Amino acid sequence: MSITIKPAESVNTAPVVALGLIGGWLTARETGIRPLGGVVLAAAGLYAGRTWLARRGPATTAALGATYVVGFGLSHPLAKKMGSWPAVLTVTVAAAGAAALLSDAAYGEWTPANPEA
């Protein structure tokens, strides 16, 4: 049995970022094991990060990685003010949006919906 991983350049990272932030939070919440949620968060971040590095280089990778990690960190104080779901969704939109614009769209893999179609 072998596992084949997509080449870094062909991964759309916005959904991976969303999966990491929402999936990590849900995993921690549903299992009650916070480190397990951290594993999901870290795995998605590393998977997206390898694409950012291959496509855009270290500066964009650092910026997008910081957005991902800071978003995770900000979700905690935001949750106290607005609730867990709204906080997680807010930081997810910001981080996934940044990934879509700075990596996916810049590489030509993602285009916004055409409102005229």
PDB file of N, CA and C in Angstrom:
ATOM      1  N   MET A   1       0.842  -1.171   0.000  1.00  0.00           N
ATOM      2  CA  MET A   1       0.000   0.000   0.000  1.00  0.00           C
ATOM      3  C   MET A   1       0.892   1.240   0.000  1.00  0.00           C
ATOM      4  N   SER A   2       0.566   2.168  -0.873  1.00  0.00           N
ATOM      5  CA  SER A   2       1.328   3.411  -0.907  1.00  0.00           C
ATOM      6  C   SER A   2       0.363   4.594  -0.878  1.00  0.00           C
ATOM      7  N   ILE A   3       0.845   5.678  -0.327  1.00  0.00           N
ATOM      8  CA  ILE A   3       0.061   6.903  -0.264  1.00  0.00           C
ATOM      9  C   ILE A   3       0.679   7.894  -1.230  1.00  0.00           C
ATOM     10  N   THR A   4      -0.152   8.440  -2.075  1.00  0.00           N
ATOM     11  CA  THR A   4       0.315   9.432  -3.029  1.00  0.00           C
ATOM     12  C   THR A   4      -0.190  10.796  -2.590  1.00  0.00           C
ATOM     13  N   ILE A   5       0.721  11.737  -2.446  1.00  0.00           N
ATOM     14  CA  ILE A   5       0.369  13.101  -2.075  1.00  0.00           C
ATOM     15  C   ILE A   5       0.483  13.965  -3.320  1.00  0.00           C
ATOM     16  N   LYS A   6      -0.507  14.827  -3.521  1.00  0.00           N
ATOM     17  CA  LYS A   6      -0.486  15.730  -4.672  1.00  0.00           C
ATOM     18  C   LYS A   6       0.787  16.567  -4.659  1.00  0.00           C
ATOM     19  N   PRO A   7       1.298  16.900  -5.832  1.00  0.00           N
ATOM     20  CA  PRO A   7       2.438  17.823  -5.872  1.00  0.00           C
ATOM     21  C   PRO A   7       2.049  19.145  -5.208  1.00  0.00           C
ATOM     22  N   ALA A   8       2.987  19.737  -4.519  1.00  0.00           N
ATOM     23  CA  ALA A   8       2.710  20.960  -3.761  1.00  0.00           C
ATOM     24  C   ALA A   8       2.084  22.044  -4.626  1.00  0.00           C
ATOM     25  N   GLU A   9       2.545  22.197  -5.841  1.00  0.00           N
ATOM     26  CA  GLU A   9       2.065  23.270  -6.701  1.00  0.00           C
ATOM     27  C   GLU A   9       0.612  23.113  -7.113  1.00  0.00           C
ATOM     28  N   SER A  10       0.042  21.929  -6.972  1.00  0.00           N
ATOM     29  CA  SER A  10      -1.322  21.696  -7.456  1.00  0.00           C
ATOM     30  C   SER A  10      -2.377  21.654  -6.350  1.00  0.00           C
ATOM     31  N   VAL A  11      -2.029  22.075  -5.152  1.00  0.00           N
ATOM     32  CA  VAL A  11      -2.978  22.053  -4.037  1.00  0.00           C
ATOM     33  C   VAL A  11      -3.631  23.425  -3.893  1.00  0.00           C
ATOM     34  N   ASN A  12      -4.962  23.448  -3.843  1.00  0.00           N
ATOM     35  CA  ASN A  12      -5.686  24.671  -3.509  1.00  0.00           C
ATOM     36  C   ASN A  12      -5.663  24.809  -1.993  1.00  0.00           C
ATOM     37  N   THR A  13      -5.046  25.862  -1.508  1.00  0.00           N
ATOM     38  CA  THR A  13      -4.785  25.956  -0.074  1.00  0.00           C
ATOM     39  C   THR A  13      -5.917  26.562   0.750  1.00  0.00           C
ATOM     40  N   ALA A  14      -6.790  27.352   0.146  1.00  0.00           N
ATOM     41  CA  ALA A  14      -7.874  27.951   0.928  1.00  0.00           C
ATOM     42  C   ALA A  14      -8.743  26.881   1.603  1.00  0.00           C
ATOM     43  N   PRO A  15      -9.155  25.812   0.902  1.00  0.00           N
ATOM     44  CA  PRO A  15      -9.931  24.782   1.585  1.00  0.00           C
ATOM     45  C   PRO A  15      -9.124  24.037   2.655  1.00  0.00           C
ATOM     46  N   VAL A  16      -7.831  23.895   2.438  1.00  0.00           N
ATOM     47  CA  VAL A  16      -6.987  23.227   3.432  1.00  0.00           C
ATOM     48  C   VAL A  16      -6.915  24.063   4.709  1.00  0.00           C
ATOM     49  N   VAL A  17      -6.777  25.381   4.541  1.00  0.00           N
ATOM     50  CA  VAL A  17      -6.756  26.291   5.688  1.00  0.00           C
ATOM     51  C   VAL A  17      -8.086  26.216   6.444  1.00  0.00           C
ATOM     52  N   ALA A  18      -9.185  26.237   5.699  1.00  0.00           N
ATOM     53  CA  ALA A  18     -10.506  26.144   6.332  1.00  0.00           C
ATOM     54  C   ALA A  18     -10.659  24.818   7.082  1.00  0.00           C
ATOM     55  N   LEU A  19     -10.211  23.750   6.466  1.00  0.00           N
ATOM     56  CA  LEU A  19     -10.267  22.445   7.117  1.00  0.00           C
ATOM     57  C   LEU A  19      -9.447  22.437   8.402  1.00  0.00           C
ATOM     58  N   GLY A  20      -8.271  23.024   8.359  1.00  0.00           N
ATOM     59  CA  GLY A  20      -7.409  23.034   9.540  1.00  0.00           C
ATOM     60  C   GLY A  20      -8.009  23.800  10.690  1.00  0.00           C
ATOM     61  N   LEU A  21      -8.544  24.983  10.422  1.00  0.00           N
ATOM     62  CA  LEU A  21      -9.093  25.800  11.500  1.00  0.00           C
ATOM     63  C   LEU A  21     -10.425  25.259  12.016  1.00  0.00           C
ATOM     64  N   ILE A  22     -11.341  24.977  11.119  1.00  0.00           N
ATOM     65  CA  ILE A  22     -12.642  24.450  11.555  1.00  0.00           C
ATOM     66  C   ILE A  22     -12.506  23.010  12.033  1.00  0.00           C
ATOM     67  N   GLY A  23     -11.770  22.201  11.281  1.00  0.00           N
ATOM     68  CA  GLY A  23     -11.601  20.797  11.658  1.00  0.00           C
ATOM     69  C   GLY A  23     -10.842  20.620  12.956  1.00  0.00           C
ATOM     70  N   GLY A  24      -9.824  21.450  13.159  1.00  0.00           N
ATOM     71  CA  GLY A  24      -9.082  21.384  14.415  1.00  0.00           C
ATOM     72  C   GLY A  24      -9.949  21.741  15.603  1.00  0.00           C
ATOM     73  N   TRP A  25     -10.744  22.800  15.444  1.00  0.00           N
ATOM     74  CA  TRP A  25     -11.640  23.214  16.521  1.00  0.00           C
ATOM     75  C   TRP A  25     -12.688  22.144  16.803  1.00  0.00           C
ATOM     76  N   LEU A  26     -13.312  21.616  15.744  1.00  0.00           N
ATOM     77  CA  LEU A  26     -14.332  20.581  15.941  1.00  0.00           C
ATOM     78  C   LEU A  26     -13.749  19.308  16.554  1.00  0.00           C
ATOM     79  N   THR A  27     -12.574  18.943  16.123  1.00  0.00           N
ATOM     80  CA  THR A  27     -11.938  17.743  16.682  1.00  0.00           C
ATOM     81  C   THR A  27     -11.701  17.909  18.178  1.00  0.00           C
ATOM     82  N   ALA A  28     -11.159  19.060  18.564  1.00  0.00           N
ATOM     83  CA  ALA A  28     -10.910  19.311  19.985  1.00  0.00           C
ATOM     84  C   ALA A  28     -12.218  19.345  20.763  1.00  0.00           C
ATOM     85  N   ARG A  29     -13.215  19.992  20.207  1.00  0.00           N
ATOM     86  CA  ARG A  29     -14.508  20.118  20.901  1.00  0.00           C
ATOM     87  C   ARG A  29     -15.219  18.776  21.048  1.00  0.00           C
ATOM     88  N   GLU A  30     -15.263  18.012  19.983  1.00  0.00           N
ATOM     89  CA  GLU A  30     -16.034  16.767  20.001  1.00  0.00           C
ATOM     90  C   GLU A  30     -15.336  15.637  20.743  1.00  0.00           C
ATOM     91  N   THR A  31     -14.016  15.619  20.719  1.00  0.00           N
ATOM     92  CA  THR A  31     -13.307  14.547  21.427  1.00  0.00           C
ATOM     93  C   THR A  31     -12.963  14.936  22.853  1.00  0.00           C
ATOM     94  N   GLY A  32     -12.922  16.249  23.118  1.00  0.00           N
ATOM     95  CA  GLY A  32     -12.479  16.715  24.426  1.00  0.00           C
ATOM     96  C   GLY A  32     -10.965  16.637  24.579  1.00  0.00           C
ATOM     97  N   ILE A  33     -10.263  16.318  23.508  1.00  0.00           N
ATOM     98  CA  ILE A  33      -8.810  16.189  23.533  1.00  0.00           C
ATOM     99  C   ILE A  33      -8.229  17.343  22.718  1.00  0.00           C
ATOM    100  N   ARG A  34      -7.874  18.424  23.388  1.00  0.00           N
ATOM    101  CA  ARG A  34      -7.384  19.615  22.691  1.00  0.00           C
ATOM    102  C   ARG A  34      -6.131  19.343  21.852  1.00  0.00           C
ATOM    103  N   PRO A  35      -5.172  18.538  22.349  1.00  0.00           N
ATOM    104  CA  PRO A  35      -3.996  18.272  21.511  1.00  0.00           C
ATOM    105  C   PRO A  35      -4.341  17.574  20.188  1.00  0.00           C
ATOM    106  N   LEU A  36      -5.400  16.783  20.182  1.00  0.00           N
ATOM    107  CA  LEU A  36      -5.805  16.129  18.939  1.00  0.00           C
ATOM    108  C   LEU A  36      -6.295  17.169  17.929  1.00  0.00           C
ATOM    109  N   GLY A  37      -7.002  18.178  18.395  1.00  0.00           N
ATOM    110  CA  GLY A  37      -7.383  19.292  17.528  1.00  0.00           C
ATOM    111  C   GLY A  37      -6.154  20.020  17.013  1.00  0.00           C
ATOM    112  N   GLY A  38      -5.139  20.135  17.868  1.00  0.00           N
ATOM    113  CA  GLY A  38      -3.883  20.764  17.459  1.00  0.00           C
ATOM    114  C   GLY A  38      -3.172  19.979  16.378  1.00  0.00           C
ATOM    115  N   VAL A  39      -3.288  18.664  16.418  1.00  0.00           N
ATOM    116  CA  VAL A  39      -2.685  17.822  15.377  1.00  0.00           C
ATOM    117  C   VAL A  39      -3.355  18.108  14.031  1.00  0.00           C
ATOM    118  N   VAL A  40      -4.684  18.205  14.032  1.00  0.00           N
ATOM    119  CA  VAL A  40      -5.407  18.523  12.792  1.00  0.00           C
ATOM    120  C   VAL A  40      -4.996  19.899  12.289  1.00  0.00           C
ATOM    121  N   LEU A  41      -4.949  20.879  13.188  1.00  0.00           N
ATOM    122  CA  LEU A  41      -4.538  22.242  12.845  1.00  0.00           C
ATOM    123  C   LEU A  41      -3.129  22.256  12.254  1.00  0.00           C
ATOM    124  N   ALA A  42      -2.196  21.581  12.904  1.00  0.00           N
ATOM    125  CA  ALA A  42      -0.804  21.565  12.451  1.00  0.00           C
ATOM    126  C   ALA A  42      -0.645  20.831  11.123  1.00  0.00           C
ATOM    127  N   ALA A  43      -1.326  19.701  10.964  1.00  0.00           N
ATOM    128  CA  ALA A  43      -1.213  18.934   9.722  1.00  0.00           C
ATOM    129  C   ALA A  43      -1.704  19.745   8.530  1.00  0.00           C
ATOM    130  N   ALA A  44      -2.837  20.403   8.687  1.00  0.00           N
ATOM    131  CA  ALA A  44      -3.360  21.225   7.587  1.00  0.00           C
ATOM    132  C   ALA A  44      -2.433  22.406   7.314  1.00  0.00           C
ATOM    133  N   GLY A  45      -1.916  23.019   8.367  1.00  0.00           N
ATOM    134  CA  GLY A  45      -0.996  24.147   8.196  1.00  0.00           C
ATOM    135  C   GLY A  45       0.272  23.747   7.468  1.00  0.00           C
ATOM    136  N   LEU A  46       0.815  22.608   7.813  1.00  0.00           N
ATOM    137  CA  LEU A  46       2.025  22.133   7.133  1.00  0.00           C
ATOM    138  C   LEU A  46       1.751  21.773   5.678  1.00  0.00           C
ATOM    139  N   TYR A  47       0.596  21.159   5.443  1.00  0.00           N
ATOM    140  CA  TYR A  47       0.236  20.778   4.068  1.00  0.00           C
ATOM    141  C   TYR A  47       0.048  22.021   3.198  1.00  0.00           C
ATOM    142  N   ALA A  48      -0.634  23.030   3.724  1.00  0.00           N
ATOM    143  CA  ALA A  48      -0.794  24.285   2.978  1.00  0.00           C
ATOM    144  C   ALA A  48       0.549  24.997   2.848  1.00  0.00           C
ATOM    145  N   GLY A  49       1.335  24.972   3.906  1.00  0.00           N
ATOM    146  CA  GLY A  49       2.623  25.656   3.905  1.00  0.00           C
ATOM    147  C   GLY A  49       3.577  25.146   2.844  1.00  0.00           C
ATOM    148  N   ARG A  50       3.563  23.855   2.587  1.00  0.00           N
ATOM    149  CA  ARG A  50       4.455  23.333   1.551  1.00  0.00           C
ATOM    150  C   ARG A  50       4.064  23.862   0.176  1.00  0.00           C
ATOM    151  N   THR A  51       2.773  24.085  -0.027  1.00  0.00           N
ATOM    152  CA  THR A  51       2.319  24.670  -1.293  1.00  0.00           C
ATOM    153  C   THR A  51       2.705  26.136  -1.377  1.00  0.00           C
ATOM    154  N   TRP A  52       2.495  26.879  -0.289  1.00  0.00           N
ATOM    155  CA  TRP A  52       2.870  28.294  -0.294  1.00  0.00           C
ATOM    156  C   TRP A  52       4.356  28.460  -0.591  1.00  0.00           C
ATOM    157  N   LEU A  53       5.166  27.618   0.006  1.00  0.00           N
ATOM    158  CA  LEU A  53       6.607  27.709  -0.207  1.00  0.00           C
ATOM    159  C   LEU A  53       6.973  27.385  -1.658  1.00  0.00           C
ATOM    160  N   ALA A  54       6.365  26.336  -2.204  1.00  0.00           N
ATOM    161  CA  ALA A  54       6.668  25.948  -3.583  1.00  0.00           C
ATOM    162  C   ALA A  54       6.183  26.991  -4.588  1.00  0.00           C
ATOM    163  N   ARG A  55       5.054  27.588  -4.324  1.00  0.00           N
ATOM    164  CA  ARG A  55       4.466  28.534  -5.265  1.00  0.00           C
ATOM    165  C   ARG A  55       5.007  29.947  -5.118  1.00  0.00           C
ATOM    166  N   ARG A  56       5.081  30.426  -3.878  1.00  0.00           N
ATOM    167  CA  ARG A  56       5.271  31.853  -3.651  1.00  0.00           C
ATOM    168  C   ARG A  56       6.541  32.225  -2.902  1.00  0.00           C
ATOM    169  N   GLY A  57       7.243  31.232  -2.352  1.00  0.00           N
ATOM    170  CA  GLY A  57       8.493  31.520  -1.663  1.00  0.00           C
ATOM    171  C   GLY A  57       8.324  31.765  -0.178  1.00  0.00           C
ATOM    172  N   PRO A  58       9.452  31.993   0.499  1.00  0.00           N
ATOM    173  CA  PRO A  58       9.433  32.078   1.960  1.00  0.00           C
ATOM    174  C   PRO A  58       8.693  33.291   2.524  1.00  0.00           C
ATOM    175  N   ALA A  59       8.712  34.439   1.854  1.00  0.00           N
ATOM    176  CA  ALA A  59       8.053  35.623   2.409  1.00  0.00           C
ATOM    177  C   ALA A  59       6.534  35.444   2.470  1.00  0.00           C
ATOM    178  N   THR A  60       5.951  34.983   1.383  1.00  0.00           N
ATOM    179  CA  THR A  60       4.500  34.749   1.371  1.00  0.00           C
ATOM    180  C   THR A  60       4.138  33.603   2.297  1.00  0.00           C
ATOM    181  N   THR A  61       4.982  32.583   2.351  1.00  0.00           N
ATOM    182  CA  THR A  61       4.739  31.471   3.267  1.00  0.00           C
ATOM    183  C   THR A  61       4.710  31.962   4.705  1.00  0.00           C
ATOM    184  N   ALA A  62       5.654  32.816   5.057  1.00  0.00           N
ATOM    185  CA  ALA A  62       5.690  33.364   6.421  1.00  0.00           C
ATOM    186  C   ALA A  62       4.448  34.201   6.699  1.00  0.00           C
ATOM    187  N   ALA A  63       4.034  35.023   5.744  1.00  0.00           N
ATOM    188  CA  ALA A  63       2.853  35.871   5.942  1.00  0.00           C
ATOM    189  C   ALA A  63       1.591  35.036   6.084  1.00  0.00           C
ATOM    190  N   LEU A  64       1.420  34.049   5.216  1.00  0.00           N
ATOM    191  CA  LEU A  64       0.227  33.206   5.293  1.00  0.00           C
ATOM    192  C   LEU A  64       0.264  32.295   6.526  1.00  0.00           C
ATOM    193  N   GLY A  65       1.441  31.794   6.858  1.00  0.00           N
ATOM    194  CA  GLY A  65       1.574  30.979   8.075  1.00  0.00           C
ATOM    195  C   GLY A  65       1.248  31.793   9.317  1.00  0.00           C
ATOM    196  N   ALA A  66       1.703  33.031   9.353  1.00  0.00           N
ATOM    197  CA  ALA A  66       1.400  33.908  10.494  1.00  0.00           C
ATOM    198  C   ALA A  66      -0.092  34.200  10.564  1.00  0.00           C
ATOM    199  N   THR A  67      -0.710  34.421   9.413  1.00  0.00           N
ATOM    200  CA  THR A  67      -2.157  34.661   9.386  1.00  0.00           C
ATOM    201  C   THR A  67      -2.908  33.459   9.949  1.00  0.00           C
ATOM    202  N   TYR A  68      -2.479  32.281   9.586  1.00  0.00           N
ATOM    203  CA  TYR A  68      -3.101  31.034  10.053  1.00  0.00           C
ATOM    204  C   TYR A  68      -2.940  30.885  11.568  1.00  0.00           C
ATOM    205  N   VAL A  69      -1.734  31.047  12.061  1.00  0.00           N
ATOM    206  CA  VAL A  69      -1.460  30.861  13.489  1.00  0.00           C
ATOM    207  C   VAL A  69      -2.088  31.984  14.322  1.00  0.00           C
ATOM    208  N   VAL A  70      -1.978  33.219  13.849  1.00  0.00           N
ATOM    209  CA  VAL A  70      -2.578  34.344  14.575  1.00  0.00           C
ATOM    210  C   VAL A  70      -4.103  34.205  14.577  1.00  0.00           C
ATOM    211  N   GLY A  71      -4.657  33.750  13.468  1.00  0.00           N
ATOM    212  CA  GLY A  71      -6.103  33.507  13.422  1.00  0.00           C
ATOM    213  C   GLY A  71      -6.527  32.496  14.468  1.00  0.00           C
ATOM    214  N   PHE A  72      -5.786  31.425  14.565  1.00  0.00           N
ATOM    215  CA  PHE A  72      -6.070  30.423  15.600  1.00  0.00           C
ATOM    216  C   PHE A  72      -6.004  31.061  16.986  1.00  0.00           C
ATOM    217  N   GLY A  73      -4.961  31.833  17.226  1.00  0.00           N
ATOM    218  CA  GLY A  73      -4.808  32.477  18.528  1.00  0.00           C
ATOM    219  C   GLY A  73      -5.911  33.478  18.816  1.00  0.00           C
ATOM    220  N   LEU A  74      -6.303  34.260  17.816  1.00  0.00           N
ATOM    221  CA  LEU A  74      -7.348  35.260  18.011  1.00  0.00           C
ATOM    222  C   LEU A  74      -8.733  34.653  18.209  1.00  0.00           C
ATOM    223  N   SER A  75      -8.917  33.441  17.723  1.00  0.00           N
ATOM    224  CA  SER A  75     -10.236  32.823  17.868  1.00  0.00           C
ATOM    225  C   SER A  75     -10.610  32.618  19.338  1.00  0.00           C
ATOM    226  N   HIS A  76      -9.621  32.467  20.194  1.00  0.00           N
ATOM    227  CA  HIS A  76      -9.907  32.239  21.609  1.00  0.00           C
ATOM    228  C   HIS A  76     -10.484  33.478  22.293  1.00  0.00           C
ATOM    229  N   PRO A  77      -9.838  34.653  22.223  1.00  0.00           N
ATOM    230  CA  PRO A  77     -10.466  35.824  22.839  1.00  0.00           C
ATOM    231  C   PRO A  77     -11.739  36.261  22.105  1.00  0.00           C
ATOM    232  N   LEU A  78     -11.791  36.065  20.795  1.00  0.00           N
ATOM    233  CA  LEU A  78     -13.010  36.400  20.062  1.00  0.00           C
ATOM    234  C   LEU A  78     -14.183  35.538  20.520  1.00  0.00           C
ATOM    235  N   ALA A  79     -13.917  34.280  20.831  1.00  0.00           N
ATOM    236  CA  ALA A  79     -14.974  33.375  21.268  1.00  0.00           C
ATOM    237  C   ALA A  79     -15.623  33.875  22.561  1.00  0.00           C
ATOM    238  N   LYS A  80     -14.864  34.523  23.416  1.00  0.00           N
ATOM    239  CA  LYS A  80     -15.426  35.057  24.655  1.00  0.00           C
ATOM    240  C   LYS A  80     -16.362  36.229  24.391  1.00  0.00           C
ATOM    241  N   LYS A  81     -16.136  36.927  23.287  1.00  0.00           N
ATOM    242  CA  LYS A  81     -16.944  38.096  22.950  1.00  0.00           C
ATOM    243  C   LYS A  81     -18.126  37.766  22.044  1.00  0.00           C
ATOM    244  N   MET A  82     -17.949  36.820  21.128  1.00  0.00           N
ATOM    245  CA  MET A  82     -18.995  36.575  20.135  1.00  0.00           C
ATOM    246  C   MET A  82     -19.472  35.129  20.068  1.00  0.00           C
ATOM    247  N   GLY A  83     -18.865  34.225  20.808  1.00  0.00           N
ATOM    248  CA  GLY A  83     -19.232  32.814  20.748  1.00  0.00           C
ATOM    249  C   GLY A  83     -18.249  32.028  19.902  1.00  0.00           C
ATOM    250  N   SER A  84     -18.219  30.731  20.136  1.00  0.00           N
ATOM    251  CA  SER A  84     -17.228  29.873  19.479  1.00  0.00           C
ATOM    252  C   SER A  84     -17.388  29.811  17.967  1.00  0.00           C
ATOM    253  N   TRP A  85     -18.584  29.445  17.490  1.00  0.00           N
ATOM    254  CA  TRP A  85     -18.773  29.314  16.053  1.00  0.00           C
ATOM    255  C   TRP A  85     -18.477  30.604  15.305  1.00  0.00           C
ATOM    256  N   PRO A  86     -19.050  31.746  15.726  1.00  0.00           N
ATOM    257  CA  PRO A  86     -18.739  32.978  15.000  1.00  0.00           C
ATOM    258  C   PRO A  86     -17.244  33.314  15.001  1.00  0.00           C
ATOM    259  N   ALA A  87     -16.579  33.051  16.112  1.00  0.00           N
ATOM    260  CA  ALA A  87     -15.142  33.351  16.197  1.00  0.00           C
ATOM    261  C   ALA A  87     -14.348  32.474  15.239  1.00  0.00           C
ATOM    262  N   VAL A  88     -14.623  31.190  15.253  1.00  0.00           N
ATOM    263  CA  VAL A  88     -13.896  30.269  14.375  1.00  0.00           C
ATOM    264  C   VAL A  88     -14.180  30.588  12.911  1.00  0.00           C
ATOM    265  N   LEU A  89     -15.423  30.866  12.594  1.00  0.00           N
ATOM    266  CA  LEU A  89     -15.763  31.198  11.207  1.00  0.00           C
ATOM    267  C   LEU A  89     -15.126  32.513  10.768  1.00  0.00           C
ATOM    268  N   THR A  90     -15.060  33.489  11.655  1.00  0.00           N
ATOM    269  CA  THR A  90     -14.451  34.780  11.318  1.00  0.00           C
ATOM    270  C   THR A  90     -12.973  34.626  10.987  1.00  0.00           C
ATOM    271  N   VAL A  91     -12.227  33.938  11.830  1.00  0.00           N
ATOM    272  CA  VAL A  91     -10.794  33.788  11.559  1.00  0.00           C
ATOM    273  C   VAL A  91     -10.558  32.868  10.363  1.00  0.00           C
ATOM    274  N   THR A  92     -11.452  31.917  10.159  1.00  0.00           N
ATOM    275  CA  THR A  92     -11.320  31.021   9.008  1.00  0.00           C
ATOM    276  C   THR A  92     -11.509  31.782   7.705  1.00  0.00           C
ATOM    277  N   VAL A  93     -12.510  32.651   7.658  1.00  0.00           N
ATOM    278  CA  VAL A  93     -12.735  33.456   6.452  1.00  0.00           C
ATOM    279  C   VAL A  93     -11.512  34.324   6.163  1.00  0.00           C
ATOM    280  N   ALA A  94     -10.960  34.926   7.200  1.00  0.00           N
ATOM    281  CA  ALA A  94      -9.785  35.791   7.005  1.00  0.00           C
ATOM    282  C   ALA A  94      -8.580  34.994   6.505  1.00  0.00           C
ATOM    283  N   ALA A  95      -8.275  33.883   7.157  1.00  0.00           N
ATOM    284  CA  ALA A  95      -7.088  33.104   6.791  1.00  0.00           C
ATOM    285  C   ALA A  95      -7.267  32.406   5.444  1.00  0.00           C
ATOM    286  N   ALA A  96      -8.436  31.819   5.202  1.00  0.00           N
ATOM    287  CA  ALA A  96      -8.673  31.147   3.920  1.00  0.00           C
ATOM    288  C   ALA A  96      -8.743  32.169   2.785  1.00  0.00           C
ATOM    289  N   GLY A  97      -9.310  33.334   3.065  1.00  0.00           N
ATOM    290  CA  GLY A  97      -9.344  34.390   2.055  1.00  0.00           C
ATOM    291  C   GLY A  97      -7.950  34.855   1.677  1.00  0.00           C
ATOM    292  N   ALA A  98      -7.100  35.017   2.674  1.00  0.00           N
ATOM    293  CA  ALA A  98      -5.712  35.405   2.398  1.00  0.00           C
ATOM    294  C   ALA A  98      -5.007  34.337   1.567  1.00  0.00           C
ATOM    295  N   ALA A  99      -5.231  33.071   1.896  1.00  0.00           N
ATOM    296  CA  ALA A  99      -4.614  31.984   1.128  1.00  0.00           C
ATOM    297  C   ALA A  99      -5.129  31.970  -0.305  1.00  0.00           C
ATOM    298  N   ALA A 100      -6.430  32.199  -0.468  1.00  0.00           N
ATOM    299  CA  ALA A 100      -7.010  32.220  -1.814  1.00  0.00           C
ATOM    300  C   ALA A 100      -6.411  33.340  -2.650  1.00  0.00           C
ATOM    301  N   LEU A 101      -6.268  34.520  -2.061  1.00  0.00           N
ATOM    302  CA  LEU A 101      -5.765  35.669  -2.811  1.00  0.00           C
ATOM    303  C   LEU A 101      -4.259  35.641  -3.039  1.00  0.00           C
ATOM    304  N   LEU A 102      -3.504  35.298  -1.995  1.00  0.00           N
ATOM    305  CA  LEU A 102      -2.047  35.383  -2.095  1.00  0.00           C
ATOM    306  C   LEU A 102      -1.384  34.136  -2.676  1.00  0.00           C
ATOM    307  N   SER A 103      -2.070  32.999  -2.624  1.00  0.00           N
ATOM    308  CA  SER A 103      -1.474  31.776  -3.156  1.00  0.00           C
ATOM    309  C   SER A 103      -2.284  31.212  -4.311  1.00  0.00           C
ATOM    310  N   ASP A 104      -3.531  30.886  -4.057  1.00  0.00           N
ATOM    311  CA  ASP A 104      -4.321  30.183  -5.067  1.00  0.00           C
ATOM    312  C   ASP A 104      -4.595  31.058  -6.294  1.00  0.00           C
ATOM    313  N   ALA A 105      -5.108  32.277  -6.102  1.00  0.00           N
ATOM    314  CA  ALA A 105      -5.400  33.160  -7.234  1.00  0.00           C
ATOM    315  C   ALA A 105      -4.121  33.629  -7.912  1.00  0.00           C
ATOM    316  N   ALA A 106      -3.102  33.907  -7.116  1.00  0.00           N
ATOM    317  CA  ALA A 106      -1.839  34.376  -7.675  1.00  0.00           C
ATOM    318  C   ALA A 106      -1.171  33.307  -8.534  1.00  0.00           C
ATOM    319  N   TYR A 107      -1.479  32.053  -8.251  1.00  0.00           N
ATOM    320  CA  TYR A 107      -0.899  30.961  -9.020  1.00  0.00           C
ATOM    321  C   TYR A 107      -1.808  30.537 -10.170  1.00  0.00           C
ATOM    322  N   GLY A 108      -2.992  31.112 -10.218  1.00  0.00           N
ATOM    323  CA  GLY A 108      -3.910  30.808 -11.307  1.00  0.00           C
ATOM    324  C   GLY A 108      -4.818  29.629 -11.053  1.00  0.00           C
ATOM    325  N   GLU A 109      -4.811  29.075  -9.838  1.00  0.00           N
ATOM    326  CA  GLU A 109      -5.635  27.909  -9.542  1.00  0.00           C
ATOM    327  C   GLU A 109      -7.031  28.292  -9.050  1.00  0.00           C
ATOM    328  N   TRP A 110      -7.214  29.537  -8.657  1.00  0.00           N
ATOM    329  CA  TRP A 110      -8.483  29.950  -8.084  1.00  0.00           C
ATOM    330  C   TRP A 110      -8.925  31.225  -8.756  1.00  0.00           C
ATOM    331  N   THR A 111     -10.175  31.305  -9.113  1.00  0.00           N
ATOM    332  CA  THR A 111     -10.724  32.526  -9.667  1.00  0.00           C
ATOM    333  C   THR A 111     -12.045  32.808  -8.968  1.00  0.00           C
ATOM    334  N   PRO A 112     -12.355  34.091  -8.741  1.00  0.00           N
ATOM    335  CA  PRO A 112     -13.621  34.398  -8.110  1.00  0.00           C
ATOM    336  C   PRO A 112     -14.789  34.055  -9.015  1.00  0.00           C
ATOM    337  N   ALA A 113     -15.944  33.870  -8.414  1.00  0.00           N
ATOM    338  CA  ALA A 113     -17.148  33.548  -9.189  1.00  0.00           C
ATOM    339  C   ALA A 113     -17.447  34.706 -10.133  1.00  0.00           C
ATOM    340  N   ASN A 114     -17.913  34.368 -11.324  1.00  0.00           N
ATOM    341  CA  ASN A 114     -18.262  35.378 -12.305  1.00  0.00           C
ATOM    342  C   ASN A 114     -19.727  35.763 -12.110  1.00  0.00           C
ATOM    343  N   PRO A 115     -20.004  36.986 -11.609  1.00  0.00           N
ATOM    344  CA  PRO A 115     -21.375  37.354 -11.340  1.00  0.00           C
ATOM    345  C   PRO A 115     -22.216  37.520 -12.601  1.00  0.00           C
ATOM    346  N   GLU A 116     -21.595  37.671 -13.759  1.00  0.00           N
ATOM    347  CA  GLU A 116     -22.323  37.846 -15.013  1.00  0.00           C
ATOM    348  C   GLU A 116     -22.752  36.532 -15.634  1.00  0.00           C
ATOM    349  N   ALA A 117     -22.217  35.424 -15.153  1.00  0.00           N
ATOM    350  CA  ALA A 117     -22.521  34.126 -15.765  1.00  0.00           C
ATOM    351  C   ALA A 117     -23.865  33.595 -15.335  1.00  0.00           C
TER     352      ALA A 117
END
